[in-house]
Amino acid sequence: MVIKTIIVSSELFWGFTMSICIQTHDSLKELCEYVKEQIEAQMKILNLVILKNKAAVLKLHCHKFSTLAEILESDDDIIYLCDHC
């Protein structure tokens, strides 16, 4: 099992952090979508409706890695996803 820490770099959600088993995802795009959904879910739980709506339109991506395979092969424990480019 490959667990990585995901940290979001975003104007509104900077620092959102979660640990994820990377192997449960099929692609980097799917991983980014999953993280976005988790942010939305947390905003919903906290009844932060405006932030939930902002999270729904996030376009998360990773600068350091192009594929999930690269992340799986990497020794990096922390993966940064951003939406500001």
C-alpha atoms as a PDB file:
ATOM      1  CA  MET A   1       0.000   0.000   0.000  1.00  0.00           C
ATOM      2  CA  VAL A   2       1.429   3.365  -1.074  1.00  0.00           C
ATOM      3  CA  ILE A   3       0.227   6.201   1.169  1.00  0.00           C
ATOM      4  CA  LYS A   4       1.058   9.768   0.181  1.00  0.00           C
ATOM      5  CA  THR A   5       0.201  13.041   1.856  1.00  0.00           C
ATOM      6  CA  ILE A   6      -1.677  15.365  -0.459  1.00  0.00           C
ATOM      7  CA  ILE A   7      -1.479  19.102   0.217  1.00  0.00           C
ATOM      8  CA  VAL A   8      -3.589  21.564  -1.757  1.00  0.00           C
ATOM      9  CA  SER A   9      -2.089  24.844  -2.891  1.00  0.00           C
ATOM     10  CA  SER A  10      -5.013  27.125  -3.607  1.00  0.00           C
ATOM     11  CA  GLU A  11      -6.124  30.649  -2.762  1.00  0.00           C
ATOM     12  CA  LEU A  12      -9.094  29.415  -0.707  1.00  0.00           C
ATOM     13  CA  PHE A  13      -8.064  25.899   0.249  1.00  0.00           C
ATOM     14  CA  TRP A  14      -4.325  26.279   0.804  1.00  0.00           C
ATOM     15  CA  GLY A  15      -3.090  23.744   3.309  1.00  0.00           C
ATOM     16  CA  PHE A  16      -5.965  21.271   2.959  1.00  0.00           C
ATOM     17  CA  THR A  17      -4.134  18.046   3.731  1.00  0.00           C
ATOM     18  CA  MET A  18      -5.053  14.401   3.557  1.00  0.00           C
ATOM     19  CA  SER A  19      -3.319  11.045   3.393  1.00  0.00           C
ATOM     20  CA  ILE A  20      -4.383   8.840   0.507  1.00  0.00           C
ATOM     21  CA  CYS A  21      -3.643   5.338  -0.677  1.00  0.00           C
ATOM     22  CA  ILE A  22      -2.522   6.238  -4.176  1.00  0.00           C
ATOM     23  CA  GLN A  23      -3.030   2.719  -5.534  1.00  0.00           C
ATOM     24  CA  THR A  24      -6.817   2.993  -5.201  1.00  0.00           C
ATOM     25  CA  HIS A  25      -6.900   5.505  -8.068  1.00  0.00           C
ATOM     26  CA  ASP A  26      -6.562   4.830 -11.783  1.00  0.00           C
ATOM     27  CA  SER A  27      -5.121   8.150 -12.918  1.00  0.00           C
ATOM     28  CA  LEU A  28      -3.762  11.455 -11.713  1.00  0.00           C
ATOM     29  CA  LYS A  29      -6.912  13.118 -13.020  1.00  0.00           C
ATOM     30  CA  GLU A  30      -9.049  10.775 -10.913  1.00  0.00           C
ATOM     31  CA  LEU A  31      -6.877  11.471  -7.865  1.00  0.00           C
ATOM     32  CA  CYS A  32      -7.320  15.237  -8.337  1.00  0.00           C
ATOM     33  CA  GLU A  33     -11.072  14.781  -8.689  1.00  0.00           C
ATOM     34  CA  TYR A  34     -11.161  12.680  -5.519  1.00  0.00           C
ATOM     35  CA  VAL A  35      -9.320  15.358  -3.533  1.00  0.00           C
ATOM     36  CA  LYS A  36     -11.707  17.996  -4.881  1.00  0.00           C
ATOM     37  CA  GLU A  37     -14.679  15.868  -3.787  1.00  0.00           C
ATOM     38  CA  GLN A  38     -13.165  15.492  -0.316  1.00  0.00           C
ATOM     39  CA  ILE A  39     -12.794  19.266   0.005  1.00  0.00           C
ATOM     40  CA  GLU A  40     -16.416  19.685  -1.083  1.00  0.00           C
ATOM     41  CA  ALA A  41     -17.535  17.067   1.439  1.00  0.00           C
ATOM     42  CA  GLN A  42     -15.698  18.778   4.290  1.00  0.00           C
ATOM     43  CA  MET A  43     -17.185  22.149   3.374  1.00  0.00           C
ATOM     44  CA  LYS A  44     -20.659  20.576   3.309  1.00  0.00           C
ATOM     45  CA  ILE A  45     -20.139  18.967   6.742  1.00  0.00           C
ATOM     46  CA  LEU A  46     -19.109  22.358   8.114  1.00  0.00           C
ATOM     47  CA  ASN A  47     -22.093  24.008   6.390  1.00  0.00           C
ATOM     48  CA  LEU A  48     -19.768  26.319   4.459  1.00  0.00           C
ATOM     49  CA  VAL A  49     -21.996  26.543   1.397  1.00  0.00           C
ATOM     50  CA  ILE A  50     -20.115  29.261  -0.458  1.00  0.00           C
ATOM     51  CA  LEU A  51     -16.794  27.455   0.013  1.00  0.00           C
ATOM     52  CA  LYS A  52     -18.416  24.161  -1.039  1.00  0.00           C
ATOM     53  CA  ASN A  53     -19.517  25.827  -4.268  1.00  0.00           C
ATOM     54  CA  LYS A  54     -16.016  27.247  -4.784  1.00  0.00           C
ATOM     55  CA  ALA A  55     -14.536  23.786  -4.220  1.00  0.00           C
ATOM     56  CA  ALA A  56     -16.868  22.343  -6.853  1.00  0.00           C
ATOM     57  CA  VAL A  57     -15.112  24.332  -9.587  1.00  0.00           C
ATOM     58  CA  LEU A  58     -11.519  23.658  -8.532  1.00  0.00           C
ATOM     59  CA  LYS A  59      -9.246  22.523 -11.344  1.00  0.00           C
ATOM     60  CA  LEU A  60      -6.588  20.681  -9.378  1.00  0.00           C
ATOM     61  CA  HIS A  61      -3.414  19.524 -11.095  1.00  0.00           C
ATOM     62  CA  CYS A  62       0.129  18.561 -10.224  1.00  0.00           C
ATOM     63  CA  HIS A  63       3.222  20.308 -11.552  1.00  0.00           C
ATOM     64  CA  LYS A  64       5.814  17.781 -10.470  1.00  0.00           C
ATOM     65  CA  PHE A  65       4.152  14.631 -11.804  1.00  0.00           C
ATOM     66  CA  SER A  66       2.332  13.932 -15.062  1.00  0.00           C
ATOM     67  CA  THR A  67       1.018  10.482 -14.272  1.00  0.00           C
ATOM     68  CA  LEU A  68      -0.068   8.437 -11.298  1.00  0.00           C
ATOM     69  CA  ALA A  69       2.689   5.940 -12.119  1.00  0.00           C
ATOM     70  CA  GLU A  70       5.298   8.665 -11.542  1.00  0.00           C
ATOM     71  CA  ILE A  71       3.810   9.354  -8.113  1.00  0.00           C
ATOM     72  CA  LEU A  72       3.798   5.641  -7.271  1.00  0.00           C
ATOM     73  CA  GLU A  73       7.473   5.346  -8.231  1.00  0.00           C
ATOM     74  CA  SER A  74       8.510   8.505  -6.406  1.00  0.00           C
ATOM     75  CA  ASP A  75      10.138   8.616  -2.991  1.00  0.00           C
ATOM     76  CA  ASP A  76       8.293  11.875  -2.286  1.00  0.00           C
ATOM     77  CA  ASP A  77       5.924  11.480   0.645  1.00  0.00           C
ATOM     78  CA  ILE A  78       4.163  14.781  -0.016  1.00  0.00           C
ATOM     79  CA  ILE A  79       2.344  15.561  -3.262  1.00  0.00           C
ATOM     80  CA  TYR A  80       1.184  19.118  -3.936  1.00  0.00           C
ATOM     81  CA  LEU A  81      -1.912  19.776  -6.009  1.00  0.00           C
ATOM     82  CA  CYS A  82      -2.688  23.322  -7.108  1.00  0.00           C
ATOM     83  CA  ASP A  83      -5.441  25.181  -8.925  1.00  0.00           C
ATOM     84  CA  HIS A  84      -3.807  28.525  -9.646  1.00  0.00           C
ATOM     85  CA  CYS A  85      -2.091  28.456 -13.018  1.00  0.00           C
END
